[in-house]
Amino acid sequence: MAVVKLRANESQEQLLKRFRKMVVKSGILSTVRDKRWFVSRTEQRRLEKKKAIRRLKRRKVNRY
């Protein structure tokens, strides 16, 4: 859970900005989006394999 405490002389906007950064960095939102629907193990494996292939292709293209 992301917890942010108000610093001395910090505005509400700055506090909110710091909180948003922390949430994005921790990956909370992506986890919630992923767990929104049930995905079977076979489907997860298939998607992970697909992601790995895309990642490898991207790395290969960037090298040359």
PDB file of N, CA and C in Angstrom:
ATOM      1  N   MET A   1       0.836  -1.169   0.000  1.00  0.00           N
ATOM      2  CA  MET A   1       0.000   0.000   0.000  1.00  0.00           C
ATOM      3  C   MET A   1       0.886   1.239   0.000  1.00  0.00           C
ATOM      4  N   ALA A   2       0.547   2.212  -0.807  1.00  0.00           N
ATOM      5  CA  ALA A   2       1.323   3.442  -0.916  1.00  0.00           C
ATOM      6  C   ALA A   2       0.850   4.442   0.129  1.00  0.00           C
ATOM      7  N   VAL A   3       1.771   4.904   0.954  1.00  0.00           N
ATOM      8  CA  VAL A   3       1.456   5.878   1.985  1.00  0.00           C
ATOM      9  C   VAL A   3       2.366   7.084   1.792  1.00  0.00           C
ATOM     10  N   VAL A   4       1.758   8.260   1.782  1.00  0.00           N
ATOM     11  CA  VAL A   4       2.514   9.499   1.607  1.00  0.00           C
ATOM     12  C   VAL A   4       2.120  10.456   2.713  1.00  0.00           C
ATOM     13  N   LYS A   5       3.118  11.001   3.398  1.00  0.00           N
ATOM     14  CA  LYS A   5       2.848  11.961   4.462  1.00  0.00           C
ATOM     15  C   LYS A   5       3.179  13.366   3.974  1.00  0.00           C
ATOM     16  N   LEU A   6       2.382  14.307   4.415  1.00  0.00           N
ATOM     17  CA  LEU A   6       2.555  15.700   4.026  1.00  0.00           C
ATOM     18  C   LEU A   6       3.828  16.253   4.642  1.00  0.00           C
ATOM     19  N   ARG A   7       4.693  16.783   3.791  1.00  0.00           N
ATOM     20  CA  ARG A   7       5.945  17.370   4.257  1.00  0.00           C
ATOM     21  C   ARG A   7       5.708  18.831   4.634  1.00  0.00           C
ATOM     22  N   ALA A   8       6.647  19.399   5.343  1.00  0.00           N
ATOM     23  CA  ALA A   8       6.531  20.805   5.735  1.00  0.00           C
ATOM     24  C   ALA A   8       6.562  21.682   4.480  1.00  0.00           C
ATOM     25  N   ASN A   9       5.694  22.656   4.429  1.00  0.00           N
ATOM     26  CA  ASN A   9       5.601  23.606   3.308  1.00  0.00           C
ATOM     27  C   ASN A   9       5.336  22.924   1.965  1.00  0.00           C
ATOM     28  N   GLU A  10       4.616  21.811   1.968  1.00  0.00           N
ATOM     29  CA  GLU A  10       4.285  21.110   0.727  1.00  0.00           C
ATOM     30  C   GLU A  10       2.805  21.330   0.403  1.00  0.00           C
ATOM     31  N   SER A  11       2.532  21.676  -0.838  1.00  0.00           N
ATOM     32  CA  SER A  11       1.141  21.907  -1.235  1.00  0.00           C
ATOM     33  C   SER A  11       0.439  20.576  -1.492  1.00  0.00           C
ATOM     34  N   GLN A  12      -0.877  20.636  -1.567  1.00  0.00           N
ATOM     35  CA  GLN A  12      -1.680  19.442  -1.823  1.00  0.00           C
ATOM     36  C   GLN A  12      -1.377  18.869  -3.211  1.00  0.00           C
ATOM     37  N   GLU A  13      -1.117  19.750  -4.171  1.00  0.00           N
ATOM     38  CA  GLU A  13      -0.807  19.307  -5.532  1.00  0.00           C
ATOM     39  C   GLU A  13       0.498  18.515  -5.565  1.00  0.00           C
ATOM     40  N   GLN A  14       1.491  19.007  -4.848  1.00  0.00           N
ATOM     41  CA  GLN A  14       2.777  18.310  -4.796  1.00  0.00           C
ATOM     42  C   GLN A  14       2.631  16.956  -4.104  1.00  0.00           C
ATOM     43  N   LEU A  15       1.842  16.927  -3.048  1.00  0.00           N
ATOM     44  CA  LEU A  15       1.591  15.686  -2.327  1.00  0.00           C
ATOM     45  C   LEU A  15       0.911  14.664  -3.238  1.00  0.00           C
ATOM     46  N   LEU A  16      -0.093  15.115  -3.967  1.00  0.00           N
ATOM     47  CA  LEU A  16      -0.812  14.239  -4.884  1.00  0.00           C
ATOM     48  C   LEU A  16       0.109  13.728  -5.996  1.00  0.00           C
ATOM     49  N   LYS A  17       0.951  14.605  -6.503  1.00  0.00           N
ATOM     50  CA  LYS A  17       1.897  14.224  -7.554  1.00  0.00           C
ATOM     51  C   LYS A  17       2.873  13.155  -7.048  1.00  0.00           C
ATOM     52  N   ARG A  18       3.356  13.328  -5.824  1.00  0.00           N
ATOM     53  CA  ARG A  18       4.263  12.369  -5.217  1.00  0.00           C
ATOM     54  C   ARG A  18       3.574  11.019  -5.006  1.00  0.00           C
ATOM     55  N   PHE A  19       2.313  11.076  -4.590  1.00  0.00           N
ATOM     56  CA  PHE A  19       1.523   9.858  -4.387  1.00  0.00           C
ATOM     57  C   PHE A  19       1.333   9.107  -5.705  1.00  0.00           C
ATOM     58  N   ARG A  20       0.977   9.819  -6.746  1.00  0.00           N
ATOM     59  CA  ARG A  20       0.778   9.194  -8.054  1.00  0.00           C
ATOM     60  C   ARG A  20       2.059   8.522  -8.547  1.00  0.00           C
ATOM     61  N   LYS A  21       3.182   9.199  -8.381  1.00  0.00           N
ATOM     62  CA  LYS A  21       4.462   8.622  -8.774  1.00  0.00           C
ATOM     63  C   LYS A  21       4.732   7.329  -8.024  1.00  0.00           C
ATOM     64  N   MET A  22       4.449   7.339  -6.720  1.00  0.00           N
ATOM     65  CA  MET A  22       4.684   6.162  -5.899  1.00  0.00           C
ATOM     66  C   MET A  22       3.803   5.002  -6.342  1.00  0.00           C
ATOM     67  N   VAL A  23       2.550   5.285  -6.666  1.00  0.00           N
ATOM     68  CA  VAL A  23       1.619   4.246  -7.105  1.00  0.00           C
ATOM     69  C   VAL A  23       2.092   3.646  -8.428  1.00  0.00           C
ATOM     70  N   VAL A  24       2.503   4.488  -9.350  1.00  0.00           N
ATOM     71  CA  VAL A  24       2.972   3.998 -10.649  1.00  0.00           C
ATOM     72  C   VAL A  24       4.236   3.165 -10.479  1.00  0.00           C
ATOM     73  N   LYS A  25       5.149   3.651  -9.659  1.00  0.00           N
ATOM     74  CA  LYS A  25       6.416   2.958  -9.449  1.00  0.00           C
ATOM     75  C   LYS A  25       6.225   1.606  -8.775  1.00  0.00           C
ATOM     76  N   SER A  26       5.273   1.511  -7.862  1.00  0.00           N
ATOM     77  CA  SER A  26       5.038   0.254  -7.149  1.00  0.00           C
ATOM     78  C   SER A  26       4.297  -0.771  -8.005  1.00  0.00           C
ATOM     79  N   GLY A  27       3.616  -0.338  -9.061  1.00  0.00           N
ATOM     80  CA  GLY A  27       2.916  -1.256  -9.954  1.00  0.00           C
ATOM     81  C   GLY A  27       1.562  -1.705  -9.443  1.00  0.00           C
ATOM     82  N   ILE A  28       0.985  -0.961  -8.531  1.00  0.00           N
ATOM     83  CA  ILE A  28      -0.307  -1.333  -7.951  1.00  0.00           C
ATOM     84  C   ILE A  28      -1.400  -1.342  -9.014  1.00  0.00           C
ATOM     85  N   LEU A  29      -1.451  -0.313  -9.833  1.00  0.00           N
ATOM     86  CA  LEU A  29      -2.524  -0.211 -10.829  1.00  0.00           C
ATOM     87  C   LEU A  29      -2.447  -1.323 -11.864  1.00  0.00           C
ATOM     88  N   SER A  30      -1.249  -1.646 -12.331  1.00  0.00           N
ATOM     89  CA  SER A  30      -1.127  -2.717 -13.320  1.00  0.00           C
ATOM     90  C   SER A  30      -1.553  -4.053 -12.722  1.00  0.00           C
ATOM     91  N   THR A  31      -1.241  -4.273 -11.456  1.00  0.00           N
ATOM     92  CA  THR A  31      -1.653  -5.501 -10.782  1.00  0.00           C
ATOM     93  C   THR A  31      -3.169  -5.573 -10.684  1.00  0.00           C
ATOM     94  N   VAL A  32      -3.788  -4.474 -10.326  1.00  0.00           N
ATOM     95  CA  VAL A  32      -5.251  -4.441 -10.213  1.00  0.00           C
ATOM     96  C   VAL A  32      -5.884  -4.694 -11.573  1.00  0.00           C
ATOM     97  N   ARG A  33      -5.335  -4.086 -12.619  1.00  0.00           N
ATOM     98  CA  ARG A  33      -5.891  -4.296 -13.962  1.00  0.00           C
ATOM     99  C   ARG A  33      -5.757  -5.749 -14.388  1.00  0.00           C
ATOM    100  N   ASP A  34      -4.609  -6.355 -14.063  1.00  0.00           N
ATOM    101  CA  ASP A  34      -4.395  -7.754 -14.428  1.00  0.00           C
ATOM    102  C   ASP A  34      -5.349  -8.678 -13.699  1.00  0.00           C
ATOM    103  N   LYS A  35      -5.643  -8.392 -12.454  1.00  0.00           N
ATOM    104  CA  LYS A  35      -6.482  -9.272 -11.644  1.00  0.00           C
ATOM    105  C   LYS A  35      -7.964  -8.944 -11.747  1.00  0.00           C
ATOM    106  N   ARG A  36      -8.314  -8.049 -12.637  1.00  0.00           N
ATOM    107  CA  ARG A  36      -9.710  -7.650 -12.790  1.00  0.00           C
ATOM    108  C   ARG A  36     -10.582  -8.812 -13.262  1.00  0.00           C
ATOM    109  N   TRP A  37     -10.037  -9.644 -14.153  1.00  0.00           N
ATOM    110  CA  TRP A  37     -10.747 -10.796 -14.665  1.00  0.00           C
ATOM    111  C   TRP A  37      -9.931 -12.045 -14.407  1.00  0.00           C
ATOM    112  N   PHE A  38     -10.625 -13.157 -14.267  1.00  0.00           N
ATOM    113  CA  PHE A  38      -9.947 -14.435 -14.070  1.00  0.00           C
ATOM    114  C   PHE A  38      -9.303 -14.875 -15.371  1.00  0.00           C
ATOM    115  N   VAL A  39      -8.042 -15.290 -15.274  1.00  0.00           N
ATOM    116  CA  VAL A  39      -7.330 -15.817 -16.424  1.00  0.00           C
ATOM    117  C   VAL A  39      -6.751 -17.172 -16.013  1.00  0.00           C
ATOM    118  N   SER A  40      -7.075 -18.185 -16.777  1.00  0.00           N
ATOM    119  CA  SER A  40      -6.605 -19.531 -16.435  1.00  0.00           C
ATOM    120  C   SER A  40      -5.086 -19.615 -16.566  1.00  0.00           C
ATOM    121  N   ARG A  41      -4.502 -20.643 -15.961  1.00  0.00           N
ATOM    122  CA  ARG A  41      -3.048 -20.804 -15.990  1.00  0.00           C
ATOM    123  C   ARG A  41      -2.531 -20.998 -17.408  1.00  0.00           C
ATOM    124  N   THR A  42      -3.262 -21.766 -18.204  1.00  0.00           N
ATOM    125  CA  THR A  42      -2.815 -21.984 -19.578  1.00  0.00           C
ATOM    126  C   THR A  42      -2.833 -20.679 -20.367  1.00  0.00           C
ATOM    127  N   GLU A  43      -3.846 -19.888 -20.126  1.00  0.00           N
ATOM    128  CA  GLU A  43      -3.938 -18.587 -20.786  1.00  0.00           C
ATOM    129  C   GLU A  43      -2.799 -17.676 -20.332  1.00  0.00           C
ATOM    130  N   GLN A  44      -2.470 -17.701 -19.043  1.00  0.00           N
ATOM    131  CA  GLN A  44      -1.360 -16.905 -18.519  1.00  0.00           C
ATOM    132  C   GLN A  44      -0.054 -17.307 -19.171  1.00  0.00           C
ATOM    133  N   ARG A  45       0.181 -18.616 -19.253  1.00  0.00           N
ATOM    134  CA  ARG A  45       1.415 -19.104 -19.875  1.00  0.00           C
ATOM    135  C   ARG A  45       1.496 -18.671 -21.327  1.00  0.00           C
ATOM    136  N   ARG A  46       0.370 -18.763 -22.023  1.00  0.00           N
ATOM    137  CA  ARG A  46       0.343 -18.373 -23.435  1.00  0.00           C
ATOM    138  C   ARG A  46       0.669 -16.891 -23.587  1.00  0.00           C
ATOM    139  N   LEU A  47       0.074 -16.052 -22.727  1.00  0.00           N
ATOM    140  CA  LEU A  47       0.323 -14.617 -22.786  1.00  0.00           C
ATOM    141  C   LEU A  47       1.765 -14.279 -22.433  1.00  0.00           C
ATOM    142  N   GLU A  48       2.331 -14.957 -21.421  1.00  0.00           N
ATOM    143  CA  GLU A  48       3.716 -14.710 -21.039  1.00  0.00           C
ATOM    144  C   GLU A  48       4.669 -15.090 -22.165  1.00  0.00           C
ATOM    145  N   LYS A  49       4.374 -16.187 -22.828  1.00  0.00           N
ATOM    146  CA  LYS A  49       5.191 -16.627 -23.954  1.00  0.00           C
ATOM    147  C   LYS A  49       5.139 -15.590 -25.081  1.00  0.00           C
ATOM    148  N   LYS A  50       3.934 -15.082 -25.329  1.00  0.00           N
ATOM    149  CA  LYS A  50       3.739 -14.072 -26.360  1.00  0.00           C
ATOM    150  C   LYS A  50       4.533 -12.799 -26.034  1.00  0.00           C
ATOM    151  N   LYS A  51       4.481 -12.379 -24.753  1.00  0.00           N
ATOM    152  CA  LYS A  51       5.214 -11.202 -24.322  1.00  0.00           C
ATOM    153  C   LYS A  51       6.718 -11.401 -24.483  1.00  0.00           C
ATOM    154  N   ALA A  52       7.192 -12.594 -24.130  1.00  0.00           N
ATOM    155  CA  ALA A  52       8.621 -12.886 -24.232  1.00  0.00           C
ATOM    156  C   ALA A  52       9.082 -12.817 -25.685  1.00  0.00           C
ATOM    157  N   ILE A  53       8.285 -13.352 -26.588  1.00  0.00           N
ATOM    158  CA  ILE A  53       8.626 -13.311 -28.012  1.00  0.00           C
ATOM    159  C   ILE A  53       8.693 -11.874 -28.496  1.00  0.00           C
ATOM    160  N   ARG A  54       7.712 -11.058 -28.101  1.00  0.00           N
ATOM    161  CA  ARG A  54       7.701  -9.647 -28.505  1.00  0.00           C
ATOM    162  C   ARG A  54       8.929  -8.915 -27.956  1.00  0.00           C
ATOM    163  N   ARG A  55       9.272  -9.220 -26.682  1.00  0.00           N
ATOM    164  CA  ARG A  55      10.410  -8.586 -26.040  1.00  0.00           C
ATOM    165  C   ARG A  55      11.705  -8.942 -26.769  1.00  0.00           C
ATOM    166  N   LEU A  56      11.857 -10.215 -27.128  1.00  0.00           N
ATOM    167  CA  LEU A  56      13.051 -10.658 -27.849  1.00  0.00           C
ATOM    168  C   LEU A  56      13.145 -10.004 -29.224  1.00  0.00           C
ATOM    169  N   LYS A  57      12.014  -9.905 -29.907  1.00  0.00           N
ATOM    170  CA  LYS A  57      12.002  -9.264 -31.221  1.00  0.00           C
ATOM    171  C   LYS A  57      12.410  -7.805 -31.114  1.00  0.00           C
ATOM    172  N   ARG A  58      11.892  -7.119 -30.082  1.00  0.00           N
ATOM    173  CA  ARG A  58      12.227  -5.710 -29.884  1.00  0.00           C
ATOM    174  C   ARG A  58      13.720  -5.528 -29.627  1.00  0.00           C
ATOM    175  N   ARG A  59      14.282  -6.410 -28.780  1.00  0.00           N
ATOM    176  CA  ARG A  59      15.713  -6.329 -28.477  1.00  0.00           C
ATOM    177  C   ARG A  59      16.543  -6.591 -29.716  1.00  0.00           C
ATOM    178  N   LYS A  60      16.111  -7.541 -30.535  1.00  0.00           N
ATOM    179  CA  LYS A  60      16.839  -7.886 -31.739  1.00  0.00           C
ATOM    180  C   LYS A  60      16.838  -6.710 -32.717  1.00  0.00           C
ATOM    181  N   VAL A  61      15.701  -6.043 -32.873  1.00  0.00           N
ATOM    182  CA  VAL A  61      15.577  -4.914 -33.787  1.00  0.00           C
ATOM    183  C   VAL A  61      16.438  -3.743 -33.300  1.00  0.00           C
ATOM    184  N   ASN A  62      16.475  -3.509 -31.992  1.00  0.00           N
ATOM    185  CA  ASN A  62      17.217  -2.375 -31.452  1.00  0.00           C
ATOM    186  C   ASN A  62      18.725  -2.559 -31.557  1.00  0.00           C
ATOM    187  N   ARG A  63      19.212  -3.776 -31.615  1.00  0.00           N
ATOM    188  CA  ARG A  63      20.651  -4.012 -31.687  1.00  0.00           C
ATOM    189  C   ARG A  63      21.227  -3.677 -33.045  1.00  0.00           C
ATOM    190  N   TYR A  64      20.469  -3.872 -34.113  1.00  0.00           N
ATOM    191  CA  TYR A  64      21.009  -3.669 -35.450  1.00  0.00           C
ATOM    192  C   TYR A  64      20.487  -2.441 -36.110  1.00  0.00           C
TER     193      TYR A  64
END
